[in-house]
Amino acid sequence: MQIFFIVGAQKSGTTWLQKSLNSIEGIHCLGEGHFIDKMVMPMVQTLVEYNQMMQIVHQRVYEGDGFYKGVPDDEFLSVMHSWILNIMLRTSKAPRESILALGDKTPAHSFHMPVLQQLFPKARFIHMLRDGRDVTVSAFRHRERILAKLPDQDREHTDLNRDAHQFFSKWADFTRAVLNAEKTGIQVHTVRYESMLSEGVDSLRACVDHLLPENSISYEQLQAAVQTNSFQTMSGGRSPGSIDNSTFLRRGQAGSWRDELLPAVQDSFKPNDRDLLNTLGYHA
């Protein structure tokens, strides 16, 4: 059973990829577990405090000849490995022997890939990458939709062209974190949102082959997964480019930032963030 994690900035298409993989028999992709930021990291703090307490007891109560020692790192990692794996298996609702690959999609894991690699040394990662300008617009509209549901007195004033640089910087932070993890030797396969739109079956095939180098998943299975999770199917019949700001699936199109971001807005982006965009091949 291959363990894997989908990483990438929020609104990059990670949910789309999660559902596409989850539609293939034998592959179970869940989301979002937040295992590291909400489970492991708080437990690390607890572990540190416990070990410090045991050291105090050892010295002050038993004069250097105490009974309980601190919890070693390898034991802690083993416990967290088992706990996370059990949660994923339970959530999959599938017999373990039927699972070829078991994964989780949590964008925040982009910052914790080395820890995930420690917990699951044979884990593989898929990076969902999208033009940062499209991510900026999509993330802003997503927040706008959420705020619209709040009472009037609790709503923030939003302005895309004023706030765009914040969302773009966030995309850059997520993306750099993944690229830096890849440089350490962690196995990462990058799939682009734009390729998923134009070459869905081939893009999904590359993801499956990264997870399961020797697999018998057919073209027909991949094609069915792509069709089931296409924008038109998931949106109830809307064509890509047809905008509905009230839904999670808002537009389903690449390059839509050109219609929504003023040309001057990109000047507000940090120079090193703009450089990252160009390095990845996303030009104006």
Protein backbone atom coordinates (compact mmCIF):
# COMPACT_ATOMS: atom_id res chain seq x y z
CA MET A 1 0.00 0.00 0.00
CA GLN A 2 1.58 3.23 -1.16
CA ILE A 3 1.13 6.23 1.15
CA PHE A 4 1.05 9.61 -0.59
CA PHE A 5 0.29 13.26 0.00
CA ILE A 6 -1.02 15.95 -2.35
CA VAL A 7 0.55 19.33 -1.64
CA GLY A 8 0.34 22.78 -3.19
CA ALA A 9 -1.16 26.18 -2.55
CA GLN A 10 -4.82 26.52 -1.69
CA LYS A 11 -7.03 27.02 -4.76
CA SER A 12 -4.44 25.39 -7.03
CA GLY A 13 -6.74 22.50 -7.91
CA THR A 14 -5.70 20.17 -5.10
CA THR A 15 -9.32 19.19 -4.37
CA TRP A 16 -9.86 18.48 -8.05
CA LEU A 17 -6.84 16.17 -8.14
CA GLN A 18 -7.88 14.54 -4.86
CA LYS A 19 -11.31 13.67 -6.22
CA SER A 20 -9.91 12.52 -9.55
CA LEU A 21 -7.52 10.06 -7.89
CA ASN A 22 -10.22 8.99 -5.46
CA SER A 23 -12.39 7.99 -8.42
CA ILE A 24 -9.90 5.28 -9.47
CA GLU A 25 -10.48 1.84 -8.00
CA GLY A 26 -7.85 0.96 -5.42
CA ILE A 27 -6.72 4.55 -4.86
CA HIS A 28 -8.11 6.36 -1.85
CA CYS A 29 -7.30 10.04 -1.51
CA LEU A 30 -8.73 11.83 1.49
CA GLY A 31 -8.66 15.43 2.64
CA GLU A 32 -7.87 17.38 4.72
CA GLY A 33 -6.24 15.60 7.66
CA HIS A 34 -4.00 18.44 8.92
CA PHE A 35 -1.90 15.77 10.61
CA ILE A 36 1.25 17.81 11.12
CA ASP A 37 0.02 21.30 11.99
CA LYS A 38 -2.87 20.19 14.22
CA MET A 39 -1.66 16.83 15.59
CA VAL A 40 2.07 16.25 15.40
CA MET A 41 3.28 19.77 16.22
CA PRO A 42 1.11 20.16 19.35
CA MET A 43 2.19 16.67 20.42
CA VAL A 44 5.83 17.63 19.94
CA GLN A 45 5.33 20.48 22.40
CA THR A 46 3.69 18.07 24.84
CA LEU A 47 6.59 15.65 24.39
CA VAL A 48 9.15 18.37 25.09
CA GLU A 49 7.34 19.41 28.25
CA TYR A 50 6.99 15.81 29.40
CA ASN A 51 10.67 15.04 28.84
CA GLN A 52 11.67 18.20 30.69
CA MET A 53 9.43 17.21 33.60
CA MET A 54 10.92 13.72 33.73
CA GLN A 55 14.39 15.24 33.82
CA ILE A 56 13.41 17.47 36.76
CA VAL A 57 11.91 14.51 38.63
CA HIS A 58 14.99 12.42 37.85
CA GLN A 59 17.33 15.04 39.32
CA ARG A 60 15.33 16.65 42.12
CA VAL A 61 13.22 13.80 43.47
CA TYR A 62 15.46 10.78 42.88
CA GLU A 63 18.84 12.55 42.95
CA GLY A 64 19.83 11.29 39.49
CA ASP A 65 18.47 7.76 39.93
CA GLY A 66 14.87 8.11 38.77
CA PHE A 67 12.62 5.55 37.13
CA TYR A 68 10.86 7.14 34.14
CA LYS A 69 12.98 8.49 31.32
CA GLY A 70 11.96 10.83 28.52
CA VAL A 71 10.20 9.49 25.43
CA PRO A 72 12.77 8.95 22.62
CA ASP A 73 12.18 10.45 19.17
CA ASP A 74 11.93 7.09 17.40
CA GLU A 75 9.17 5.95 19.76
CA PHE A 76 7.28 9.20 19.25
CA LEU A 77 7.55 8.91 15.45
CA SER A 78 6.35 5.31 15.58
CA VAL A 79 3.30 6.27 17.63
CA MET A 80 2.41 9.17 15.34
CA HIS A 81 2.92 6.99 12.25
CA SER A 82 0.49 4.39 13.58
CA TRP A 83 -2.04 6.97 14.71
CA ILE A 84 -2.12 8.83 11.38
CA LEU A 85 -2.22 5.61 9.37
CA ASN A 86 -5.11 4.28 11.46
CA ILE A 87 -7.05 7.50 10.94
CA MET A 88 -6.51 7.35 7.19
CA LEU A 89 -7.46 3.67 6.97
CA ARG A 90 -10.58 4.19 9.07
CA THR A 91 -11.62 7.19 6.98
CA SER A 92 -11.12 5.31 3.71
CA LYS A 93 -13.86 2.82 4.75
CA ALA A 94 -12.16 0.19 2.60
CA PRO A 95 -10.59 -3.17 3.45
CA ARG A 96 -6.85 -2.68 3.81
CA GLU A 97 -6.06 -5.47 1.34
CA SER A 98 -8.05 -3.68 -1.38
CA ILE A 99 -6.08 -0.42 -1.12
CA LEU A 100 -3.29 0.13 -3.64
CA ALA A 101 -2.54 3.72 -2.61
CA LEU A 102 -3.76 5.73 0.35
CA GLY A 103 -3.34 9.48 0.36
CA ASP A 104 -4.27 12.78 1.94
CA LYS A 105 -4.71 16.23 0.46
CA THR A 106 -3.83 19.00 2.89
CA PRO A 107 -2.36 22.21 1.40
CA ALA A 108 -0.69 23.02 4.74
CA HIS A 109 1.40 19.87 4.36
CA SER A 110 3.40 21.82 1.77
CA PHE A 111 5.36 23.25 4.71
CA HIS A 112 5.83 19.93 6.50
CA MET A 113 6.99 17.52 3.82
CA PRO A 114 10.27 16.62 5.62
CA VAL A 115 8.29 15.63 8.73
CA LEU A 116 5.88 13.55 6.67
CA GLN A 117 8.88 11.87 5.06
CA GLN A 118 10.22 11.03 8.53
CA LEU A 119 6.90 9.52 9.52
CA PHE A 120 6.41 7.70 6.21
CA PRO A 121 9.87 7.12 4.65
CA LYS A 122 8.42 5.53 1.50
CA ALA A 123 5.72 8.16 1.00
CA ARG A 124 5.39 9.92 -2.33
CA PHE A 125 4.22 13.44 -2.99
CA ILE A 126 2.23 15.06 -5.78
CA HIS A 127 2.52 18.83 -6.15
CA MET A 128 -0.46 20.56 -7.73
CA LEU A 129 0.86 23.71 -9.37
CA ARG A 130 -1.16 26.55 -10.88
CA ASP A 131 -0.41 30.03 -12.19
CA GLY A 132 -0.08 32.17 -9.07
CA ARG A 133 -2.19 34.92 -10.59
CA ASP A 134 -5.10 32.54 -11.14
CA VAL A 135 -4.63 31.25 -7.59
CA THR A 136 -4.74 34.83 -6.35
CA VAL A 137 -8.06 35.55 -8.03
CA SER A 138 -9.57 32.20 -7.05
CA ALA A 139 -8.48 32.50 -3.41
CA PHE A 140 -9.83 36.06 -3.19
CA ARG A 141 -13.20 35.07 -4.65
CA HIS A 142 -13.33 32.08 -2.30
CA ARG A 143 -12.82 34.35 0.70
CA GLU A 144 -15.34 36.84 -0.70
CA ARG A 145 -17.93 34.06 -0.98
CA ILE A 146 -17.34 32.99 2.64
CA LEU A 147 -17.54 36.57 3.96
CA ALA A 148 -20.81 37.13 2.08
CA LYS A 149 -22.45 34.55 4.35
CA LEU A 150 -21.58 36.52 7.49
CA PRO A 151 -23.85 39.15 9.07
CA ASP A 152 -23.27 42.63 7.62
CA GLN A 153 -21.54 43.90 10.75
CA ASP A 154 -18.97 41.09 10.62
CA ARG A 155 -18.04 41.45 6.97
CA GLU A 156 -14.70 42.87 5.92
CA HIS A 157 -14.42 45.25 3.02
CA THR A 158 -12.73 43.38 0.20
CA ASP A 159 -10.95 44.67 -2.86
CA LEU A 160 -9.17 42.31 -5.22
CA ASN A 161 -6.71 44.82 -6.61
CA ARG A 162 -5.84 46.06 -3.12
CA ASP A 163 -5.45 42.61 -1.55
CA ALA A 164 -4.03 40.66 -4.50
CA HIS A 165 -0.40 40.94 -3.40
CA GLN A 166 -1.19 39.13 -0.13
CA PHE A 167 -2.74 36.15 -1.89
CA PHE A 168 0.04 36.06 -4.47
CA SER A 169 2.69 36.09 -1.74
CA LYS A 170 0.92 33.21 -0.01
CA TRP A 171 0.98 31.19 -3.25
CA ALA A 172 4.71 31.87 -3.55
CA ASP A 173 5.35 30.71 0.04
CA PHE A 174 3.52 27.42 -0.52
CA THR A 175 5.26 26.83 -3.83
CA ARG A 176 8.74 27.57 -2.51
CA ALA A 177 8.19 25.23 0.42
CA VAL A 178 7.47 22.36 -1.97
CA LEU A 179 10.36 23.20 -4.28
CA ASN A 180 12.76 23.40 -1.33
CA ALA A 181 11.58 20.02 -0.03
CA GLU A 182 12.13 18.52 -3.48
CA LYS A 183 15.71 19.78 -3.44
CA THR A 184 16.37 17.67 -0.34
CA GLY A 185 15.64 14.50 -2.28
CA ILE A 186 11.96 13.99 -1.46
CA GLN A 187 10.18 12.33 -4.39
CA VAL A 188 7.76 14.85 -5.86
CA HIS A 189 5.74 14.68 -9.04
CA THR A 190 4.42 18.05 -10.22
CA VAL A 191 1.18 18.23 -12.15
CA ARG A 192 -0.02 21.55 -13.48
CA TYR A 193 -3.59 22.75 -13.28
CA GLU A 194 -3.34 23.92 -16.88
CA SER A 195 -2.29 20.44 -18.05
CA MET A 196 -5.14 18.85 -16.12
CA LEU A 197 -7.49 21.06 -18.13
CA SER A 198 -6.01 20.38 -21.55
CA GLU A 199 -4.60 16.86 -21.16
CA GLY A 200 -6.61 15.34 -18.34
CA VAL A 201 -6.04 11.65 -18.97
CA ASP A 202 -2.30 12.01 -19.61
CA SER A 203 -1.88 14.19 -16.51
CA LEU A 204 -3.75 11.73 -14.34
CA ARG A 205 -1.80 8.82 -15.82
CA ALA A 206 1.49 10.50 -14.84
CA CYS A 207 0.23 10.92 -11.27
CA VAL A 208 -0.85 7.29 -11.04
CA ASP A 209 2.44 6.05 -12.49
CA HIS A 210 4.34 8.14 -9.92
CA LEU A 211 2.39 6.49 -7.12
CA LEU A 212 2.23 3.00 -8.59
CA PRO A 213 5.03 2.44 -11.14
CA GLU A 214 3.69 -1.02 -11.91
CA ASN A 215 -0.06 -0.69 -12.24
CA SER A 216 -2.79 -2.13 -14.42
CA ILE A 217 -5.09 0.88 -14.35
CA SER A 218 -6.57 1.22 -17.81
CA TYR A 219 -7.06 4.19 -20.07
CA GLU A 220 -10.82 3.73 -19.69
CA GLN A 221 -10.57 4.00 -15.90
CA LEU A 222 -8.57 7.19 -16.16
CA GLN A 223 -10.91 8.63 -18.75
CA ALA A 224 -13.92 7.88 -16.52
CA ALA A 225 -12.22 9.58 -13.55
CA VAL A 226 -11.46 12.66 -15.65
CA GLN A 227 -15.02 12.85 -16.95
CA THR A 228 -16.58 12.31 -13.53
CA ASN A 229 -14.55 15.17 -12.09
CA SER A 230 -14.60 17.60 -15.00
CA PHE A 231 -15.73 21.16 -14.35
CA GLN A 232 -18.81 20.69 -16.47
CA THR A 233 -19.89 17.55 -14.62
CA MET A 234 -19.09 18.81 -11.13
CA SER A 235 -20.72 22.21 -11.71
CA GLY A 236 -23.97 20.73 -12.95
CA GLY A 237 -23.48 21.50 -16.62
CA ARG A 238 -21.70 24.85 -16.75
CA SER A 239 -19.00 25.27 -19.37
CA PRO A 240 -15.47 26.32 -18.29
CA GLY A 241 -15.38 30.10 -18.17
CA SER A 242 -19.00 30.40 -17.07
CA ILE A 243 -18.69 32.31 -13.79
CA ASP A 244 -20.72 31.60 -10.67
CA ASN A 245 -19.26 33.44 -7.67
CA SER A 246 -21.60 31.65 -5.26
CA THR A 247 -19.98 28.21 -5.66
CA PHE A 248 -16.67 26.53 -4.86
CA LEU A 249 -16.35 25.69 -8.58
CA ARG A 250 -16.38 29.28 -9.75
CA ARG A 251 -14.87 29.39 -13.23
CA GLY A 252 -12.75 26.32 -14.09
CA GLN A 253 -10.46 28.12 -16.51
CA ALA A 254 -6.77 28.91 -16.94
CA GLY A 255 -5.59 32.48 -17.51
CA SER A 256 -8.74 34.07 -16.13
CA TRP A 257 -6.60 36.48 -14.09
CA ARG A 258 -6.31 38.58 -17.25
CA ASP A 259 -10.00 39.48 -16.97
CA GLU A 260 -9.96 40.25 -13.26
CA LEU A 261 -6.58 41.71 -12.27
CA LEU A 262 -5.68 45.20 -13.37
CA PRO A 263 -2.35 45.27 -15.26
CA ALA A 264 -0.79 47.54 -12.64
CA VAL A 265 -1.59 45.12 -9.81
CA GLN A 266 1.33 42.85 -10.66
CA ASP A 267 3.65 45.74 -9.86
CA SER A 268 2.58 45.40 -6.22
CA PHE A 269 3.85 41.81 -6.10
CA LYS A 270 7.22 41.26 -4.44
CA PRO A 271 10.02 41.06 -7.04
CA ASN A 272 11.18 37.62 -5.85
CA ASP A 273 7.60 36.33 -6.07
CA ARG A 274 7.33 37.60 -9.64
CA ASP A 275 10.66 35.95 -10.39
CA LEU A 276 9.29 32.63 -9.11
CA LEU A 277 6.32 32.95 -11.43
CA ASN A 278 8.62 33.50 -14.43
CA THR A 279 10.96 30.70 -13.39
CA LEU A 280 8.02 28.31 -13.44
CA GLY A 281 7.15 29.40 -16.96
CA TYR A 282 4.12 31.56 -16.17
CA HIS A 283 4.70 34.68 -18.24
CA ALA A 284 2.42 37.62 -18.89
